[in-house]
Amino acid sequence: MSEQQAHEDRSEYLVFKLGREEYGIDILRVQEIRGYDQVTKIASAPAFIKGVINLRGVIVPIVDLRVKFALESPTYDQFTVVIILTLGTRVVGIVVDGVSDVISLTPPQIRAAPEFGSALDTRYIRGLGTLDERMVILVDIDQLLGSPEMYLVDATSLEV
C-alpha cells in the first residue's frame, strides 16, 4: 500500500472527555470549540438540553452529553467546553468535560462496538478506536443527535 493510500484510509476524530472516559467524533463535523458559557433555558426541554446560545446570529441548541449518557452529575469548570457541530444544515453544541486532542485511526485500529443485548443502547457507538494502550469510544454523532428522542435534527437536515 502506498503512503498516500494509507493516509487516505485514515479517519480523524476529535477526542473529548466525559468523566473518566474518552470519546471521539468525526473531526469533519466540528465547526469550533468554545468555553462553556451561560445558555438561555428553554421551558419544558428535556434535562439533557441545557438551552440555546446565539452564535453570530444562529440560534444553537446546547446538549450536555454527560446528562444524555446518564453519567455522574455534571460540574462546570474552566475545562468544560462546548463543541459546535455542523450536522447537515443544523448547528448543534455539545457540552463535554474537556477536549484532549485529534487522533488519526486506520480501519484496523477501529473495533466493532461490543454487543450488550438490550441492557445498553449501542446504536450511537460507531466502534472503539485503539491507539497503543488507549481506547476511545467513537460516537456516531449524526445517529445520536438525529435520534427521535433528541428532537434536534431531522433526517432530511442530515442529507447534504
N, C-alpha and C. Protein backbone atom coordinates (compact mmCIF):
# COMPACT_ATOMS: atom_id res chain seq x y z
N MET A 1 0.85 -1.18 0.00
CA MET A 1 0.00 0.00 0.00
C MET A 1 0.89 1.24 0.00
N SER A 2 0.57 2.19 -0.86
CA SER A 2 1.36 3.42 -0.93
C SER A 2 1.11 4.28 0.30
N GLU A 3 2.05 5.19 0.57
CA GLU A 3 1.91 6.08 1.73
C GLU A 3 0.68 6.98 1.57
N GLN A 4 0.41 7.42 0.34
CA GLN A 4 -0.76 8.28 0.11
C GLN A 4 -2.05 7.50 0.36
N GLN A 5 -2.10 6.25 -0.10
CA GLN A 5 -3.30 5.45 0.11
C GLN A 5 -3.51 5.17 1.60
N ALA A 6 -2.43 4.91 2.34
CA ALA A 6 -2.52 4.68 3.78
C ALA A 6 -3.06 5.92 4.47
N HIS A 7 -2.63 7.11 4.02
CA HIS A 7 -3.12 8.35 4.61
C HIS A 7 -4.60 8.56 4.31
N GLU A 8 -5.03 8.20 3.09
CA GLU A 8 -6.42 8.38 2.70
C GLU A 8 -7.35 7.45 3.46
N ASP A 9 -6.85 6.29 3.91
CA ASP A 9 -7.67 5.33 4.65
C ASP A 9 -7.83 5.71 6.12
N ARG A 10 -7.20 6.78 6.56
CA ARG A 10 -7.28 7.20 7.95
C ARG A 10 -8.50 8.09 8.15
N SER A 11 -9.06 8.00 9.35
CA SER A 11 -10.15 8.89 9.75
C SER A 11 -9.66 9.68 10.95
N GLU A 12 -10.02 10.95 11.01
CA GLU A 12 -9.60 11.78 12.13
C GLU A 12 -10.78 12.04 13.06
N TYR A 13 -10.49 11.98 14.36
CA TYR A 13 -11.50 12.15 15.39
C TYR A 13 -11.04 13.17 16.42
N LEU A 14 -11.95 14.06 16.81
CA LEU A 14 -11.70 14.95 17.93
C LEU A 14 -12.02 14.15 19.19
N VAL A 15 -11.05 14.09 20.10
CA VAL A 15 -11.22 13.30 21.32
C VAL A 15 -11.60 14.24 22.46
N PHE A 16 -12.66 13.87 23.19
CA PHE A 16 -13.10 14.65 24.34
C PHE A 16 -13.35 13.72 25.51
N LYS A 17 -13.40 14.30 26.70
CA LYS A 17 -13.61 13.53 27.92
C LYS A 17 -15.01 13.76 28.47
N LEU A 18 -15.58 12.68 28.95
CA LEU A 18 -16.81 12.70 29.73
C LEU A 18 -16.51 11.81 30.93
N GLY A 19 -16.37 12.41 32.09
CA GLY A 19 -15.96 11.63 33.25
C GLY A 19 -14.56 11.11 33.03
N ARG A 20 -14.36 9.82 33.24
CA ARG A 20 -13.03 9.22 33.06
C ARG A 20 -12.81 8.65 31.67
N GLU A 21 -13.86 8.63 30.85
CA GLU A 21 -13.77 8.00 29.53
C GLU A 21 -13.46 9.02 28.44
N GLU A 22 -12.83 8.50 27.37
CA GLU A 22 -12.55 9.33 26.21
C GLU A 22 -13.46 8.91 25.07
N TYR A 23 -14.00 9.91 24.39
CA TYR A 23 -14.90 9.69 23.27
C TYR A 23 -14.33 10.43 22.06
N GLY A 24 -14.67 9.95 20.87
CA GLY A 24 -14.22 10.59 19.65
C GLY A 24 -15.37 10.83 18.71
N ILE A 25 -15.33 11.98 18.03
CA ILE A 25 -16.32 12.27 16.99
C ILE A 25 -15.58 12.68 15.73
N ASP A 26 -16.21 12.43 14.61
CA ASP A 26 -15.63 12.76 13.30
C ASP A 26 -15.24 14.24 13.27
N ILE A 27 -13.98 14.51 13.02
CA ILE A 27 -13.46 15.89 13.04
C ILE A 27 -14.14 16.75 11.98
N LEU A 28 -14.65 16.13 10.92
CA LEU A 28 -15.29 16.90 9.85
C LEU A 28 -16.62 17.51 10.29
N ARG A 29 -17.19 17.04 11.39
CA ARG A 29 -18.43 17.60 11.92
C ARG A 29 -18.19 18.81 12.82
N VAL A 30 -16.95 19.00 13.26
CA VAL A 30 -16.63 20.05 14.24
C VAL A 30 -16.46 21.40 13.53
N GLN A 31 -17.23 22.37 14.00
CA GLN A 31 -17.13 23.73 13.47
C GLN A 31 -16.17 24.55 14.32
N GLU A 32 -16.31 24.46 15.66
CA GLU A 32 -15.42 25.19 16.57
C GLU A 32 -15.57 24.65 17.98
N ILE A 33 -14.64 25.04 18.84
CA ILE A 33 -14.67 24.67 20.25
C ILE A 33 -14.67 25.96 21.05
N ARG A 34 -15.61 26.06 22.00
CA ARG A 34 -15.77 27.28 22.80
C ARG A 34 -15.79 26.92 24.28
N GLY A 35 -15.41 27.86 25.11
CA GLY A 35 -15.57 27.68 26.54
C GLY A 35 -17.04 27.65 26.88
N TYR A 36 -17.39 26.96 27.97
CA TYR A 36 -18.79 26.88 28.37
C TYR A 36 -19.23 28.21 28.93
N ASP A 37 -20.36 28.70 28.45
CA ASP A 37 -20.93 29.96 28.89
C ASP A 37 -22.38 29.70 29.27
N GLN A 38 -22.99 30.66 29.89
CA GLN A 38 -24.41 30.51 30.24
C GLN A 38 -25.24 30.38 28.98
N VAL A 39 -26.32 29.60 29.11
CA VAL A 39 -27.22 29.39 27.99
C VAL A 39 -28.60 29.92 28.38
N THR A 40 -29.42 30.18 27.39
CA THR A 40 -30.80 30.57 27.63
C THR A 40 -31.62 29.30 27.73
N LYS A 41 -32.22 29.09 28.88
CA LYS A 41 -33.00 27.86 29.12
C LYS A 41 -34.30 27.91 28.33
N ILE A 42 -34.74 26.73 27.92
CA ILE A 42 -35.99 26.58 27.18
C ILE A 42 -36.96 25.80 28.06
N ALA A 43 -38.13 26.35 28.29
CA ALA A 43 -39.14 25.69 29.14
C ALA A 43 -39.52 24.33 28.57
N SER A 44 -39.71 23.36 29.44
CA SER A 44 -40.17 22.01 29.11
C SER A 44 -39.19 21.22 28.24
N ALA A 45 -37.95 21.67 28.12
CA ALA A 45 -36.96 20.92 27.35
C ALA A 45 -36.48 19.74 28.18
N PRO A 46 -36.09 18.63 27.54
CA PRO A 46 -35.53 17.51 28.29
C PRO A 46 -34.29 17.96 29.07
N ALA A 47 -33.96 17.25 30.14
CA ALA A 47 -32.85 17.64 31.03
C ALA A 47 -31.52 17.75 30.30
N PHE A 48 -31.30 16.93 29.27
CA PHE A 48 -30.01 16.96 28.57
C PHE A 48 -29.88 18.15 27.64
N ILE A 49 -30.96 18.84 27.34
CA ILE A 49 -30.87 20.07 26.53
C ILE A 49 -30.73 21.24 27.50
N LYS A 50 -29.52 21.79 27.57
CA LYS A 50 -29.23 22.85 28.53
C LYS A 50 -29.91 24.16 28.15
N GLY A 51 -30.15 24.36 26.86
CA GLY A 51 -30.77 25.59 26.38
C GLY A 51 -30.22 25.92 25.01
N VAL A 52 -30.17 27.23 24.71
CA VAL A 52 -29.67 27.68 23.41
C VAL A 52 -28.71 28.85 23.62
N ILE A 53 -27.84 29.05 22.62
CA ILE A 53 -26.98 30.23 22.58
C ILE A 53 -27.15 30.89 21.23
N ASN A 54 -26.81 32.17 21.18
CA ASN A 54 -26.80 32.91 19.93
C ASN A 54 -25.35 32.96 19.47
N LEU A 55 -25.05 32.24 18.41
CA LEU A 55 -23.69 32.16 17.88
C LEU A 55 -23.64 32.92 16.55
N ARG A 56 -23.23 34.18 16.63
CA ARG A 56 -23.13 35.03 15.44
C ARG A 56 -24.41 35.03 14.62
N GLY A 57 -25.55 35.17 15.34
CA GLY A 57 -26.84 35.25 14.68
C GLY A 57 -27.54 33.92 14.45
N VAL A 58 -26.90 32.83 14.78
CA VAL A 58 -27.50 31.50 14.64
C VAL A 58 -27.88 31.00 16.03
N ILE A 59 -29.14 30.58 16.22
CA ILE A 59 -29.58 30.02 17.48
C ILE A 59 -29.16 28.55 17.51
N VAL A 60 -28.33 28.21 18.50
CA VAL A 60 -27.73 26.88 18.57
C VAL A 60 -28.20 26.16 19.83
N PRO A 61 -28.90 25.00 19.68
CA PRO A 61 -29.26 24.21 20.86
C PRO A 61 -28.01 23.59 21.47
N ILE A 62 -27.96 23.54 22.81
CA ILE A 62 -26.80 23.01 23.53
C ILE A 62 -27.23 21.75 24.29
N VAL A 63 -26.55 20.64 24.02
CA VAL A 63 -26.84 19.34 24.63
C VAL A 63 -25.69 18.98 25.57
N ASP A 64 -26.02 18.60 26.81
CA ASP A 64 -25.00 18.15 27.75
C ASP A 64 -24.92 16.63 27.63
N LEU A 65 -23.83 16.12 27.04
CA LEU A 65 -23.70 14.69 26.83
C LEU A 65 -23.56 13.92 28.13
N ARG A 66 -23.07 14.56 29.19
CA ARG A 66 -22.97 13.87 30.48
C ARG A 66 -24.36 13.51 30.98
N VAL A 67 -25.31 14.41 30.79
CA VAL A 67 -26.69 14.15 31.21
C VAL A 67 -27.32 13.12 30.26
N LYS A 68 -27.12 13.28 28.97
CA LYS A 68 -27.69 12.36 27.99
C LYS A 68 -27.20 10.93 28.23
N PHE A 69 -25.91 10.76 28.56
CA PHE A 69 -25.35 9.43 28.77
C PHE A 69 -25.51 8.95 30.21
N ALA A 70 -26.25 9.70 31.02
CA ALA A 70 -26.52 9.34 32.42
C ALA A 70 -25.23 9.09 33.21
N LEU A 71 -24.26 9.99 33.04
CA LEU A 71 -23.02 9.91 33.81
C LEU A 71 -23.22 10.67 35.11
N GLU A 72 -22.19 10.75 35.93
CA GLU A 72 -22.31 11.45 37.21
C GLU A 72 -22.77 12.89 36.99
N SER A 73 -23.23 13.51 38.05
CA SER A 73 -23.73 14.88 37.96
C SER A 73 -22.67 15.79 37.36
N PRO A 74 -23.05 16.58 36.37
CA PRO A 74 -22.07 17.44 35.72
C PRO A 74 -21.62 18.59 36.61
N THR A 75 -20.35 18.90 36.50
CA THR A 75 -19.82 20.12 37.13
C THR A 75 -19.24 20.96 36.00
N TYR A 76 -19.42 22.24 36.13
CA TYR A 76 -18.94 23.15 35.09
C TYR A 76 -17.75 23.91 35.64
N ASP A 77 -16.58 23.73 35.00
CA ASP A 77 -15.37 24.40 35.47
C ASP A 77 -14.63 24.99 34.28
N GLN A 78 -13.38 25.38 34.51
CA GLN A 78 -12.60 26.04 33.45
C GLN A 78 -12.26 25.09 32.30
N PHE A 79 -12.41 23.77 32.50
CA PHE A 79 -12.11 22.81 31.44
C PHE A 79 -13.33 22.46 30.60
N THR A 80 -14.52 22.76 31.11
CA THR A 80 -15.76 22.44 30.40
C THR A 80 -15.83 23.25 29.11
N VAL A 81 -16.11 22.56 28.01
CA VAL A 81 -16.20 23.24 26.72
C VAL A 81 -17.45 22.83 25.97
N VAL A 82 -17.79 23.63 24.98
CA VAL A 82 -18.88 23.31 24.07
C VAL A 82 -18.26 23.10 22.70
N ILE A 83 -18.53 21.94 22.13
CA ILE A 83 -18.08 21.64 20.77
C ILE A 83 -19.25 21.98 19.85
N ILE A 84 -19.03 22.91 18.95
CA ILE A 84 -20.06 23.31 18.00
C ILE A 84 -19.92 22.42 16.77
N LEU A 85 -21.01 21.74 16.43
CA LEU A 85 -21.02 20.77 15.34
C LEU A 85 -21.93 21.23 14.21
N THR A 86 -21.54 20.87 13.00
CA THR A 86 -22.40 21.09 11.85
C THR A 86 -22.90 19.73 11.41
N LEU A 87 -24.21 19.55 11.49
CA LEU A 87 -24.84 18.29 11.10
C LEU A 87 -25.80 18.57 9.96
N GLY A 88 -25.33 18.37 8.77
CA GLY A 88 -26.14 18.70 7.61
C GLY A 88 -26.38 20.20 7.57
N THR A 89 -27.64 20.59 7.70
CA THR A 89 -27.97 22.02 7.67
C THR A 89 -28.15 22.61 9.07
N ARG A 90 -27.97 21.80 10.12
CA ARG A 90 -28.16 22.26 11.50
C ARG A 90 -26.83 22.47 12.21
N VAL A 91 -26.84 23.38 13.16
CA VAL A 91 -25.69 23.61 14.04
C VAL A 91 -26.15 23.29 15.45
N VAL A 92 -25.39 22.44 16.14
CA VAL A 92 -25.72 21.98 17.48
C VAL A 92 -24.44 22.03 18.32
N GLY A 93 -24.59 22.37 19.60
CA GLY A 93 -23.45 22.36 20.50
C GLY A 93 -23.57 21.23 21.50
N ILE A 94 -22.43 20.61 21.85
CA ILE A 94 -22.44 19.57 22.88
C ILE A 94 -21.48 19.99 23.99
N VAL A 95 -21.93 19.83 25.25
CA VAL A 95 -21.11 20.16 26.41
C VAL A 95 -20.34 18.91 26.82
N VAL A 96 -19.02 19.06 26.97
CA VAL A 96 -18.16 17.95 27.40
C VAL A 96 -17.21 18.46 28.48
N ASP A 97 -16.58 17.50 29.19
CA ASP A 97 -15.68 17.86 30.28
C ASP A 97 -14.38 18.50 29.81
N GLY A 98 -13.98 18.24 28.60
CA GLY A 98 -12.76 18.81 28.06
C GLY A 98 -12.40 18.12 26.76
N VAL A 99 -11.56 18.77 25.97
CA VAL A 99 -11.08 18.23 24.71
C VAL A 99 -9.62 17.91 24.90
N SER A 100 -9.18 16.72 24.44
CA SER A 100 -7.78 16.38 24.63
C SER A 100 -6.95 16.54 23.36
N ASP A 101 -7.37 15.93 22.25
CA ASP A 101 -6.57 16.02 21.04
C ASP A 101 -7.35 15.51 19.84
N VAL A 102 -6.66 15.46 18.71
CA VAL A 102 -7.22 14.88 17.49
C VAL A 102 -6.38 13.65 17.19
N ILE A 103 -7.06 12.53 16.94
CA ILE A 103 -6.33 11.30 16.61
C ILE A 103 -6.70 10.86 15.21
N SER A 104 -5.80 10.13 14.60
CA SER A 104 -5.99 9.59 13.27
C SER A 104 -5.97 8.07 13.39
N LEU A 105 -7.03 7.42 12.90
CA LEU A 105 -7.14 5.97 13.02
C LEU A 105 -7.30 5.33 11.64
N THR A 106 -6.69 4.17 11.48
CA THR A 106 -6.87 3.38 10.27
C THR A 106 -7.97 2.35 10.55
N PRO A 107 -8.58 1.77 9.53
CA PRO A 107 -9.64 0.77 9.76
C PRO A 107 -9.25 -0.36 10.72
N PRO A 108 -8.02 -0.92 10.66
CA PRO A 108 -7.69 -1.98 11.63
C PRO A 108 -7.64 -1.50 13.09
N GLN A 109 -7.53 -0.20 13.32
CA GLN A 109 -7.50 0.33 14.68
C GLN A 109 -8.90 0.56 15.25
N ILE A 110 -9.92 0.35 14.42
CA ILE A 110 -11.30 0.57 14.87
C ILE A 110 -11.98 -0.78 15.02
N ARG A 111 -12.36 -1.10 16.23
CA ARG A 111 -13.04 -2.36 16.55
C ARG A 111 -14.55 -2.11 16.59
N ALA A 112 -15.31 -3.14 16.29
CA ALA A 112 -16.77 -3.04 16.35
C ALA A 112 -17.21 -2.81 17.79
N ALA A 113 -18.31 -2.11 17.96
CA ALA A 113 -18.87 -1.90 19.30
C ALA A 113 -19.29 -3.24 19.86
N PRO A 114 -19.01 -3.49 21.14
CA PRO A 114 -19.41 -4.77 21.73
C PRO A 114 -20.92 -4.88 21.84
N GLU A 115 -21.41 -6.11 21.81
CA GLU A 115 -22.85 -6.36 21.95
C GLU A 115 -23.19 -6.51 23.43
N PHE A 116 -24.15 -5.75 23.90
CA PHE A 116 -24.58 -5.82 25.29
C PHE A 116 -26.03 -6.28 25.39
N GLY A 117 -26.61 -6.73 24.30
CA GLY A 117 -28.02 -7.10 24.32
C GLY A 117 -28.87 -5.86 24.53
N SER A 118 -29.97 -6.02 25.23
CA SER A 118 -30.86 -4.88 25.45
C SER A 118 -30.48 -4.07 26.68
N ALA A 119 -29.42 -4.49 27.40
CA ALA A 119 -29.04 -3.79 28.63
C ALA A 119 -28.44 -2.42 28.36
N LEU A 120 -27.86 -2.23 27.19
CA LEU A 120 -27.19 -0.97 26.88
C LEU A 120 -27.45 -0.62 25.43
N ASP A 121 -27.80 0.63 25.17
CA ASP A 121 -28.07 1.10 23.82
C ASP A 121 -26.75 1.46 23.15
N THR A 122 -26.34 0.67 22.17
CA THR A 122 -25.06 0.93 21.49
C THR A 122 -25.24 1.46 20.07
N ARG A 123 -26.46 1.85 19.72
CA ARG A 123 -26.67 2.31 18.34
C ARG A 123 -25.94 3.61 18.03
N TYR A 124 -25.51 4.34 19.03
CA TYR A 124 -24.79 5.59 18.81
C TYR A 124 -23.28 5.40 18.83
N ILE A 125 -22.83 4.18 19.04
CA ILE A 125 -21.40 3.91 19.08
C ILE A 125 -20.97 3.35 17.75
N ARG A 126 -20.05 4.05 17.10
CA ARG A 126 -19.54 3.64 15.80
C ARG A 126 -18.54 2.49 15.96
N GLY A 127 -17.82 2.52 17.07
CA GLY A 127 -16.81 1.49 17.33
C GLY A 127 -15.89 1.95 18.44
N LEU A 128 -14.84 1.17 18.67
CA LEU A 128 -13.83 1.51 19.67
C LEU A 128 -12.51 1.70 18.95
N GLY A 129 -11.94 2.89 19.10
CA GLY A 129 -10.65 3.18 18.48
C GLY A 129 -9.53 2.81 19.44
N THR A 130 -8.54 2.08 18.94
CA THR A 130 -7.41 1.69 19.78
C THR A 130 -6.15 2.35 19.24
N LEU A 131 -5.44 2.98 20.14
CA LEU A 131 -4.20 3.67 19.80
C LEU A 131 -3.23 3.37 20.93
N ASP A 132 -2.28 2.46 20.67
CA ASP A 132 -1.38 1.94 21.71
C ASP A 132 -2.22 1.36 22.83
N GLU A 133 -2.06 1.85 24.06
CA GLU A 133 -2.83 1.34 25.20
C GLU A 133 -4.13 2.12 25.43
N ARG A 134 -4.40 3.06 24.57
CA ARG A 134 -5.54 3.96 24.72
C ARG A 134 -6.75 3.41 23.97
N MET A 135 -7.94 3.54 24.58
CA MET A 135 -9.18 3.14 23.92
C MET A 135 -10.13 4.33 23.92
N VAL A 136 -10.65 4.66 22.75
CA VAL A 136 -11.55 5.80 22.57
C VAL A 136 -12.87 5.28 22.02
N ILE A 137 -13.97 5.66 22.68
CA ILE A 137 -15.31 5.27 22.22
C ILE A 137 -15.70 6.23 21.09
N LEU A 138 -15.88 5.69 19.90
CA LEU A 138 -16.21 6.52 18.74
C LEU A 138 -17.72 6.66 18.62
N VAL A 139 -18.19 7.89 18.75
CA VAL A 139 -19.62 8.17 18.76
C VAL A 139 -20.08 8.54 17.35
N ASP A 140 -21.18 7.95 16.92
CA ASP A 140 -21.81 8.33 15.66
C ASP A 140 -22.70 9.52 15.99
N ILE A 141 -22.14 10.71 15.89
CA ILE A 141 -22.82 11.93 16.34
C ILE A 141 -24.07 12.22 15.51
N ASP A 142 -24.07 11.82 14.23
CA ASP A 142 -25.26 12.00 13.40
C ASP A 142 -26.41 11.14 13.93
N GLN A 143 -26.10 9.89 14.27
CA GLN A 143 -27.13 8.98 14.82
C GLN A 143 -27.63 9.50 16.16
N LEU A 144 -26.71 9.93 17.02
CA LEU A 144 -27.08 10.38 18.36
C LEU A 144 -27.96 11.62 18.30
N LEU A 145 -27.49 12.66 17.66
CA LEU A 145 -28.24 13.92 17.64
C LEU A 145 -29.42 13.88 16.68
N GLY A 146 -29.43 12.91 15.77
CA GLY A 146 -30.55 12.77 14.85
C GLY A 146 -31.61 11.81 15.35
N SER A 147 -31.40 11.23 16.54
CA SER A 147 -32.37 10.28 17.07
C SER A 147 -33.66 11.01 17.46
N PRO A 148 -34.78 10.32 17.35
CA PRO A 148 -36.08 10.97 17.63
C PRO A 148 -36.18 11.57 19.03
N GLU A 149 -35.58 10.92 20.05
CA GLU A 149 -35.71 11.45 21.41
C GLU A 149 -34.92 12.73 21.63
N MET A 150 -34.04 13.09 20.70
CA MET A 150 -33.27 14.32 20.86
C MET A 150 -34.04 15.54 20.37
N TYR A 151 -34.96 15.37 19.45
CA TYR A 151 -35.77 16.48 18.92
C TYR A 151 -34.92 17.60 18.32
N LEU A 152 -33.74 17.28 17.82
CA LEU A 152 -32.84 18.33 17.36
C LEU A 152 -32.67 18.39 15.86
N VAL A 153 -32.46 17.24 15.25
CA VAL A 153 -32.11 17.20 13.84
C VAL A 153 -33.01 16.17 13.19
N ASP A 154 -33.70 16.56 12.13
CA ASP A 154 -34.49 15.55 11.44
C ASP A 154 -33.65 14.94 10.32
N ALA A 155 -34.07 13.81 9.84
CA ALA A 155 -33.29 13.05 8.86
C ALA A 155 -33.01 13.88 7.61
N THR A 156 -33.94 14.73 7.20
CA THR A 156 -33.74 15.49 5.97
C THR A 156 -32.63 16.53 6.13
N SER A 157 -32.42 17.06 7.35
CA SER A 157 -31.37 18.06 7.52
C SER A 157 -29.99 17.42 7.56
N LEU A 158 -29.89 16.10 7.75
CA LEU A 158 -28.60 15.43 7.73
C LEU A 158 -28.12 15.13 6.33
N GLU A 159 -29.03 15.13 5.38
CA GLU A 159 -28.65 14.85 3.99
C GLU A 159 -27.99 16.08 3.42
N VAL A 160 -26.78 15.89 2.95
CA VAL A 160 -26.02 17.03 2.41
C VAL A 160 -25.84 16.88 0.93
